[in-house]
């Protein structure tokens, strides 16, 4: 679809990209031009972390930026760049708690042709530092289909935090049971969910839970889904 306002949108997008801090970079998604908006891919340290949409109001000759699939804290920084504000730099020294709070882990599970897989992506300082995937072979667990993969992914995330002396993390997920069995909102009835809830509760890791909608263009959630599928097919 040709956009009658592509010249204005392109010029503003280029201006916005040029204003970005050293922490971020951007690229216009050429196939995304529509009548009043265009998408821009945002990257950090060479890794794509999501998209934003640039909207144009011809009657007012104004532009606005809307979040596509970025974590809220990242979008806030990107929006500061759009508004021409000076993005505050991270403190040179932080407490252990502050450092751990920026660990974000995206998890997912998959069920393909009778096989279950798990996948997770680990980000630290908004940079991907690890990707893991694998299969779940226990027949008892396979009966729960992709749920077993979801829970195994969280288990791997907890193990990674323990190995790397991480005390806090945010887990991004698209299946509610991941959080609800741990918090007690859902009663864990199966041996798998009971073991899972007990393991996470007693892990010593402080977890912030963040629900994301599945298959909505969230880059890291989609990547975790890809890894889970790889695990199921391995």
C-alpha atoms as a PDB file:
ATOM      1  CA  UNK A   1       0.000   0.000   0.000  1.00  0.00           C
ATOM      2  CA  UNK A   2       1.416   3.358  -1.080  1.00  0.00           C
ATOM      3  CA  UNK A   3       1.323   6.054   1.569  1.00  0.00           C
ATOM      4  CA  UNK A   4       0.517   9.610   0.426  1.00  0.00           C
ATOM      5  CA  UNK A   5       2.426  10.829   3.476  1.00  0.00           C
ATOM      6  CA  UNK A   6       5.495   8.627   3.034  1.00  0.00           C
ATOM      7  CA  UNK A   7       7.822  11.631   2.429  1.00  0.00           C
ATOM      8  CA  UNK A   8       6.823  13.244   5.735  1.00  0.00           C
ATOM      9  CA  UNK A   9       6.953   9.952   7.640  1.00  0.00           C
ATOM     10  CA  UNK A  10      10.323   9.001   6.173  1.00  0.00           C
ATOM     11  CA  UNK A  11      11.867  12.389   6.922  1.00  0.00           C
ATOM     12  CA  UNK A  12      10.636  12.317  10.529  1.00  0.00           C
ATOM     13  CA  UNK A  13      11.755   8.717  10.987  1.00  0.00           C
ATOM     14  CA  UNK A  14      15.259   9.556   9.790  1.00  0.00           C
ATOM     15  CA  UNK A  15      15.350  12.583  12.101  1.00  0.00           C
ATOM     16  CA  UNK A  16      14.253  10.399  15.029  1.00  0.00           C
ATOM     17  CA  UNK A  17      16.843   7.715  14.280  1.00  0.00           C
ATOM     18  CA  UNK A  18      19.574  10.350  14.108  1.00  0.00           C
ATOM     19  CA  UNK A  19      18.619  11.581  17.594  1.00  0.00           C
ATOM     20  CA  UNK A  20      19.038   8.177  19.223  1.00  0.00           C
ATOM     21  CA  UNK A  21      21.578   7.770  21.994  1.00  0.00           C
ATOM     22  CA  UNK A  22      24.579   5.462  21.742  1.00  0.00           C
ATOM     23  CA  UNK A  23      22.494   2.816  23.517  1.00  0.00           C
ATOM     24  CA  UNK A  24      19.996   2.431  20.656  1.00  0.00           C
ATOM     25  CA  UNK A  25      19.789   2.397  16.877  1.00  0.00           C
ATOM     26  CA  UNK A  26      16.838   2.251  14.510  1.00  0.00           C
ATOM     27  CA  UNK A  27      15.861   1.111  11.022  1.00  0.00           C
ATOM     28  CA  UNK A  28      12.777   1.940   8.981  1.00  0.00           C
ATOM     29  CA  UNK A  29      10.708  -1.123   8.109  1.00  0.00           C
ATOM     30  CA  UNK A  30      10.258  -0.364   4.414  1.00  0.00           C
ATOM     31  CA  UNK A  31       7.292  -2.677   3.951  1.00  0.00           C
ATOM     32  CA  UNK A  32       5.352  -1.070   6.803  1.00  0.00           C
ATOM     33  CA  UNK A  33       4.448   2.320   5.314  1.00  0.00           C
ATOM     34  CA  UNK A  34       0.715   2.958   5.652  1.00  0.00           C
ATOM     35  CA  UNK A  35      -1.410   6.063   5.126  1.00  0.00           C
ATOM     36  CA  UNK A  36      -0.543   7.651   8.451  1.00  0.00           C
ATOM     37  CA  UNK A  37       2.173   5.543  10.061  1.00  0.00           C
ATOM     38  CA  UNK A  38       5.355   3.510   9.626  1.00  0.00           C
ATOM     39  CA  UNK A  39       7.176   1.003  11.823  1.00  0.00           C
ATOM     40  CA  UNK A  40      10.750   1.394  13.042  1.00  0.00           C
ATOM     41  CA  UNK A  41      12.842  -1.487  14.359  1.00  0.00           C
ATOM     42  CA  UNK A  42      14.786  -0.601  17.526  1.00  0.00           C
ATOM     43  CA  UNK A  43      18.109  -2.303  18.254  1.00  0.00           C
ATOM     44  CA  UNK A  44      20.487  -2.286  21.207  1.00  0.00           C
ATOM     45  CA  UNK A  45      24.076  -3.492  20.977  1.00  0.00           C
ATOM     46  CA  UNK A  46      23.352  -4.834  17.511  1.00  0.00           C
ATOM     47  CA  UNK A  47      20.338  -6.902  18.613  1.00  0.00           C
ATOM     48  CA  UNK A  48      16.776  -6.101  17.555  1.00  0.00           C
ATOM     49  CA  UNK A  49      14.645  -5.605  20.670  1.00  0.00           C
ATOM     50  CA  UNK A  50      11.267  -4.672  19.160  1.00  0.00           C
ATOM     51  CA  UNK A  51       9.440  -2.055  17.141  1.00  0.00           C
ATOM     52  CA  UNK A  52       7.742   1.305  17.529  1.00  0.00           C
ATOM     53  CA  UNK A  53       5.226   2.995  15.223  1.00  0.00           C
ATOM     54  CA  UNK A  54       5.523   6.586  14.046  1.00  0.00           C
ATOM     55  CA  UNK A  55       2.148   8.256  13.417  1.00  0.00           C
ATOM     56  CA  UNK A  56       1.492  11.451  11.441  1.00  0.00           C
ATOM     57  CA  UNK A  57      -1.525  13.756  11.837  1.00  0.00           C
ATOM     58  CA  UNK A  58      -1.669  15.844   8.605  1.00  0.00           C
ATOM     59  CA  UNK A  59      -4.278  18.291   9.909  1.00  0.00           C
ATOM     60  CA  UNK A  60      -2.064  19.211  12.857  1.00  0.00           C
ATOM     61  CA  UNK A  61       1.255  18.410  11.156  1.00  0.00           C
ATOM     62  CA  UNK A  62       2.325  16.554  14.293  1.00  0.00           C
ATOM     63  CA  UNK A  63       3.987  13.186  14.913  1.00  0.00           C
ATOM     64  CA  UNK A  64       3.529  10.740  17.766  1.00  0.00           C
ATOM     65  CA  UNK A  65       5.337   7.562  18.740  1.00  0.00           C
ATOM     66  CA  UNK A  66       3.544   4.427  19.910  1.00  0.00           C
ATOM     67  CA  UNK A  67       4.995   1.288  21.421  1.00  0.00           C
ATOM     68  CA  UNK A  68       4.917  -1.872  19.359  1.00  0.00           C
ATOM     69  CA  UNK A  69       6.716  -4.618  21.245  1.00  0.00           C
ATOM     70  CA  UNK A  70       9.266  -3.008  23.544  1.00  0.00           C
ATOM     71  CA  UNK A  71       9.393  -3.448  27.330  1.00  0.00           C
ATOM     72  CA  UNK A  72       7.885  -0.337  28.925  1.00  0.00           C
ATOM     73  CA  UNK A  73      11.167   0.835  30.467  1.00  0.00           C
ATOM     74  CA  UNK A  74      12.958   0.606  27.113  1.00  0.00           C
ATOM     75  CA  UNK A  75      10.161   2.431  25.295  1.00  0.00           C
ATOM     76  CA  UNK A  76      10.388   5.265  27.838  1.00  0.00           C
ATOM     77  CA  UNK A  77      14.054   5.778  26.930  1.00  0.00           C
ATOM     78  CA  UNK A  78      13.357   5.549  23.203  1.00  0.00           C
ATOM     79  CA  UNK A  79      10.547   8.080  23.557  1.00  0.00           C
ATOM     80  CA  UNK A  80      12.971  10.465  25.262  1.00  0.00           C
ATOM     81  CA  UNK A  81      15.152  10.236  22.156  1.00  0.00           C
ATOM     82  CA  UNK A  82      12.106  10.966  19.975  1.00  0.00           C
ATOM     83  CA  UNK A  83      11.299  14.045  22.038  1.00  0.00           C
ATOM     84  CA  UNK A  84      14.889  15.229  21.801  1.00  0.00           C
ATOM     85  CA  UNK A  85      15.547  14.839  25.518  1.00  0.00           C
ATOM     86  CA  UNK A  86      18.905  13.796  26.881  1.00  0.00           C
ATOM     87  CA  UNK A  87      18.629  10.168  27.918  1.00  0.00           C
ATOM     88  CA  UNK A  88      19.926   9.641  31.428  1.00  0.00           C
ATOM     89  CA  UNK A  89      22.913   7.335  31.562  1.00  0.00           C
ATOM     90  CA  UNK A  90      23.155   4.393  33.905  1.00  0.00           C
ATOM     91  CA  UNK A  91      24.982   4.949  37.156  1.00  0.00           C
ATOM     92  CA  UNK A  92      28.585   3.835  37.134  1.00  0.00           C
ATOM     93  CA  UNK A  93      28.139   1.933  40.372  1.00  0.00           C
ATOM     94  CA  UNK A  94      25.021   0.081  41.471  1.00  0.00           C
ATOM     95  CA  UNK A  95      24.058  -2.161  44.302  1.00  0.00           C
ATOM     96  CA  UNK A  96      23.654  -5.884  43.712  1.00  0.00           C
ATOM     97  CA  UNK A  97      19.888  -5.454  43.863  1.00  0.00           C
ATOM     98  CA  UNK A  98      19.929  -2.743  41.175  1.00  0.00           C
ATOM     99  CA  UNK A  99      22.135  -4.820  38.919  1.00  0.00           C
ATOM    100  CA  UNK A 100      19.973  -7.911  39.296  1.00  0.00           C
ATOM    101  CA  UNK A 101      16.775  -5.964  38.602  1.00  0.00           C
ATOM    102  CA  UNK A 102      17.789  -5.514  34.960  1.00  0.00           C
ATOM    103  CA  UNK A 103      17.928  -9.249  34.222  1.00  0.00           C
ATOM    104  CA  UNK A 104      14.992 -10.135  31.958  1.00  0.00           C
ATOM    105  CA  UNK A 105      14.221 -13.677  30.808  1.00  0.00           C
ATOM    106  CA  UNK A 106      11.676 -14.625  28.145  1.00  0.00           C
ATOM    107  CA  UNK A 107      10.377 -18.207  28.363  1.00  0.00           C
ATOM    108  CA  UNK A 108       8.141 -20.401  26.235  1.00  0.00           C
ATOM    109  CA  UNK A 109       7.110 -24.004  25.608  1.00  0.00           C
ATOM    110  CA  UNK A 110       6.056 -25.904  22.493  1.00  0.00           C
ATOM    111  CA  UNK A 111       4.317 -29.164  21.595  1.00  0.00           C
ATOM    112  CA  UNK A 112       4.997 -30.565  18.115  1.00  0.00           C
ATOM    113  CA  UNK A 113       4.011 -34.020  16.902  1.00  0.00           C
ATOM    114  CA  UNK A 114       3.965 -35.518  20.361  1.00  0.00           C
ATOM    115  CA  UNK A 115       7.211 -33.901  21.529  1.00  0.00           C
ATOM    116  CA  UNK A 116       7.641 -31.080  24.047  1.00  0.00           C
ATOM    117  CA  UNK A 117      10.320 -28.408  23.921  1.00  0.00           C
ATOM    118  CA  UNK A 118      11.345 -25.414  26.014  1.00  0.00           C
ATOM    119  CA  UNK A 119      13.119 -22.193  25.092  1.00  0.00           C
ATOM    120  CA  UNK A 120      14.379 -19.110  26.889  1.00  0.00           C
ATOM    121  CA  UNK A 121      16.260 -15.922  26.083  1.00  0.00           C
ATOM    122  CA  UNK A 122      18.252 -14.119  28.787  1.00  0.00           C
ATOM    123  CA  UNK A 123      18.840 -10.360  28.619  1.00  0.00           C
ATOM    124  CA  UNK A 124      21.121  -8.350  30.860  1.00  0.00           C
ATOM    125  CA  UNK A 125      21.404  -4.593  30.474  1.00  0.00           C
ATOM    126  CA  UNK A 126      18.983  -4.982  27.540  1.00  0.00           C
ATOM    127  CA  UNK A 127      21.489  -7.197  25.726  1.00  0.00           C
ATOM    128  CA  UNK A 128      20.919 -10.867  24.944  1.00  0.00           C
ATOM    129  CA  UNK A 129      23.522 -12.839  26.879  1.00  0.00           C
ATOM    130  CA  UNK A 130      22.169 -16.367  26.462  1.00  0.00           C
ATOM    131  CA  UNK A 131      19.710 -18.578  24.607  1.00  0.00           C
ATOM    132  CA  UNK A 132      18.738 -22.108  25.628  1.00  0.00           C
ATOM    133  CA  UNK A 133      16.424 -24.778  24.306  1.00  0.00           C
ATOM    134  CA  UNK A 134      15.847 -28.493  24.756  1.00  0.00           C
ATOM    135  CA  UNK A 135      13.312 -31.289  24.867  1.00  0.00           C
ATOM    136  CA  UNK A 136      11.230 -32.725  27.715  1.00  0.00           C
ATOM    137  CA  UNK A 137      11.409 -36.511  27.535  1.00  0.00           C
ATOM    138  CA  UNK A 138       9.521 -37.589  30.668  1.00  0.00           C
ATOM    139  CA  UNK A 139       6.314 -39.286  29.420  1.00  0.00           C
ATOM    140  CA  UNK A 140       4.360 -38.117  32.460  1.00  0.00           C
ATOM    141  CA  UNK A 141       5.266 -34.506  31.700  1.00  0.00           C
ATOM    142  CA  UNK A 142       4.700 -34.823  27.939  1.00  0.00           C
ATOM    143  CA  UNK A 143       1.032 -35.531  28.688  1.00  0.00           C
ATOM    144  CA  UNK A 144       0.690 -31.870  29.694  1.00  0.00           C
ATOM    145  CA  UNK A 145       1.810 -30.850  26.171  1.00  0.00           C
ATOM    146  CA  UNK A 146       3.474 -27.419  25.905  1.00  0.00           C
ATOM    147  CA  UNK A 147       2.833 -26.637  29.589  1.00  0.00           C
ATOM    148  CA  UNK A 148       5.755 -28.869  30.564  1.00  0.00           C
ATOM    149  CA  UNK A 149       7.977 -26.858  28.236  1.00  0.00           C
ATOM    150  CA  UNK A 150       6.845 -23.582  29.813  1.00  0.00           C
ATOM    151  CA  UNK A 151       7.694 -24.852  33.297  1.00  0.00           C
ATOM    152  CA  UNK A 152      11.020 -26.360  32.269  1.00  0.00           C
ATOM    153  CA  UNK A 153      11.991 -23.016  30.722  1.00  0.00           C
ATOM    154  CA  UNK A 154      11.374 -21.242  34.039  1.00  0.00           C
ATOM    155  CA  UNK A 155      13.356 -23.970  35.816  1.00  0.00           C
ATOM    156  CA  UNK A 156      16.304 -23.375  33.489  1.00  0.00           C
ATOM    157  CA  UNK A 157      16.018 -19.628  34.119  1.00  0.00           C
ATOM    158  CA  UNK A 158      16.194 -20.186  37.874  1.00  0.00           C
ATOM    159  CA  UNK A 159      19.197 -22.473  37.464  1.00  0.00           C
ATOM    160  CA  UNK A 160      20.984 -19.875  35.330  1.00  0.00           C
ATOM    161  CA  UNK A 161      20.385 -17.211  37.979  1.00  0.00           C
ATOM    162  CA  UNK A 162      21.790 -19.453  40.693  1.00  0.00           C
ATOM    163  CA  UNK A 163      24.909 -20.265  38.675  1.00  0.00           C
ATOM    164  CA  UNK A 164      25.490 -16.585  37.897  1.00  0.00           C
ATOM    165  CA  UNK A 165      24.696 -15.345  41.423  1.00  0.00           C
ATOM    166  CA  UNK A 166      21.641 -13.404  40.244  1.00  0.00           C
ATOM    167  CA  UNK A 167      19.178 -12.647  43.022  1.00  0.00           C
ATOM    168  CA  UNK A 168      16.409 -10.907  41.072  1.00  0.00           C
ATOM    169  CA  UNK A 169      14.908 -11.264  37.602  1.00  0.00           C
ATOM    170  CA  UNK A 170      11.835 -10.482  35.552  1.00  0.00           C
ATOM    171  CA  UNK A 171      10.262 -13.398  33.702  1.00  0.00           C
ATOM    172  CA  UNK A 172       8.226 -12.600  30.591  1.00  0.00           C
ATOM    173  CA  UNK A 173       5.706 -15.307  29.705  1.00  0.00           C
ATOM    174  CA  UNK A 174       2.515 -15.870  27.726  1.00  0.00           C
ATOM    175  CA  UNK A 175       0.983 -18.745  29.747  1.00  0.00           C
ATOM    176  CA  UNK A 176      -0.620 -17.714  33.059  1.00  0.00           C
ATOM    177  CA  UNK A 177       0.121 -20.956  34.898  1.00  0.00           C
ATOM    178  CA  UNK A 178       3.807 -20.048  35.042  1.00  0.00           C
ATOM    179  CA  UNK A 179       2.995 -17.307  37.538  1.00  0.00           C
ATOM    180  CA  UNK A 180      -0.238 -18.544  39.094  1.00  0.00           C
ATOM    181  CA  UNK A 181       1.047 -21.907  40.325  1.00  0.00           C
ATOM    182  CA  UNK A 182       3.934 -20.166  42.086  1.00  0.00           C
ATOM    183  CA  UNK A 183       1.842 -17.389  43.636  1.00  0.00           C
ATOM    184  CA  UNK A 184      -0.979 -19.751  44.633  1.00  0.00           C
ATOM    185  CA  UNK A 185      -3.632 -18.151  42.420  1.00  0.00           C
ATOM    186  CA  UNK A 186      -3.999 -21.578  40.831  1.00  0.00           C
ATOM    187  CA  UNK A 187      -3.888 -24.762  42.872  1.00  0.00           C
ATOM    188  CA  UNK A 188      -1.109 -27.080  41.725  1.00  0.00           C
ATOM    189  CA  UNK A 189      -2.807 -30.472  41.404  1.00  0.00           C
ATOM    190  CA  UNK A 190      -0.408 -32.478  39.220  1.00  0.00           C
ATOM    191  CA  UNK A 191       2.976 -33.754  40.426  1.00  0.00           C
ATOM    192  CA  UNK A 192       4.649 -31.630  37.716  1.00  0.00           C
ATOM    193  CA  UNK A 193       3.011 -28.375  38.777  1.00  0.00           C
ATOM    194  CA  UNK A 194       3.526 -29.165  42.466  1.00  0.00           C
ATOM    195  CA  UNK A 195       7.252 -29.796  41.979  1.00  0.00           C
ATOM    196  CA  UNK A 196       7.526 -26.703  39.819  1.00  0.00           C
ATOM    197  CA  UNK A 197       5.841 -24.401  42.336  1.00  0.00           C
ATOM    198  CA  UNK A 198       7.918 -25.759  45.217  1.00  0.00           C
ATOM    199  CA  UNK A 199      11.163 -25.446  43.254  1.00  0.00           C
ATOM    200  CA  UNK A 200      10.567 -21.823  42.275  1.00  0.00           C
ATOM    201  CA  UNK A 201       9.255 -20.745  45.688  1.00  0.00           C
ATOM    202  CA  UNK A 202      12.299 -22.139  47.482  1.00  0.00           C
ATOM    203  CA  UNK A 203      14.858 -21.028  44.881  1.00  0.00           C
ATOM    204  CA  UNK A 204      15.884 -17.890  46.729  1.00  0.00           C
ATOM    205  CA  UNK A 205      15.409 -15.868  43.531  1.00  0.00           C
ATOM    206  CA  UNK A 206      13.145 -12.826  43.653  1.00  0.00           C
ATOM    207  CA  UNK A 207      10.942 -12.941  40.555  1.00  0.00           C
ATOM    208  CA  UNK A 208       8.837 -10.220  38.952  1.00  0.00           C
ATOM    209  CA  UNK A 209       6.254 -11.740  36.600  1.00  0.00           C
ATOM    210  CA  UNK A 210       5.335  -9.966  33.353  1.00  0.00           C
ATOM    211  CA  UNK A 211       2.554 -11.328  31.110  1.00  0.00           C
ATOM    212  CA  UNK A 212       2.930 -10.719  27.376  1.00  0.00           C
ATOM    213  CA  UNK A 213       0.459 -11.556  24.622  1.00  0.00           C
ATOM    214  CA  UNK A 214       1.578 -14.450  22.434  1.00  0.00           C
ATOM    215  CA  UNK A 215       2.309 -13.959  18.732  1.00  0.00           C
ATOM    216  CA  UNK A 216       1.864 -10.179  18.766  1.00  0.00           C
ATOM    217  CA  UNK A 217       5.267  -9.149  17.444  1.00  0.00           C
ATOM    218  CA  UNK A 218       7.169  -9.050  20.725  1.00  0.00           C
ATOM    219  CA  UNK A 219      10.648  -9.843  19.398  1.00  0.00           C
ATOM    220  CA  UNK A 220      12.054 -11.687  22.397  1.00  0.00           C
ATOM    221  CA  UNK A 221       8.846 -13.574  23.115  1.00  0.00           C
ATOM    222  CA  UNK A 222       8.796 -14.724  19.487  1.00  0.00           C
ATOM    223  CA  UNK A 223      12.441 -15.743  19.785  1.00  0.00           C
ATOM    224  CA  UNK A 224      11.695 -17.844  22.888  1.00  0.00           C
ATOM    225  CA  UNK A 225       8.862 -19.476  20.932  1.00  0.00           C
ATOM    226  CA  UNK A 226      11.279 -20.303  18.075  1.00  0.00           C
ATOM    227  CA  UNK A 227      13.729 -21.855  20.525  1.00  0.00           C
ATOM    228  CA  UNK A 228      10.974 -23.922  22.159  1.00  0.00           C
ATOM    229  CA  UNK A 229       9.998 -25.276  18.738  1.00  0.00           C
ATOM    230  CA  UNK A 230      13.649 -26.131  18.051  1.00  0.00           C
ATOM    231  CA  UNK A 231      13.736 -27.970  21.364  1.00  0.00           C
ATOM    232  CA  UNK A 232      10.613 -29.955  20.500  1.00  0.00           C
ATOM    233  CA  UNK A 233      12.118 -31.009  17.182  1.00  0.00           C
ATOM    234  CA  UNK A 234      15.547 -31.882  18.587  1.00  0.00           C
END
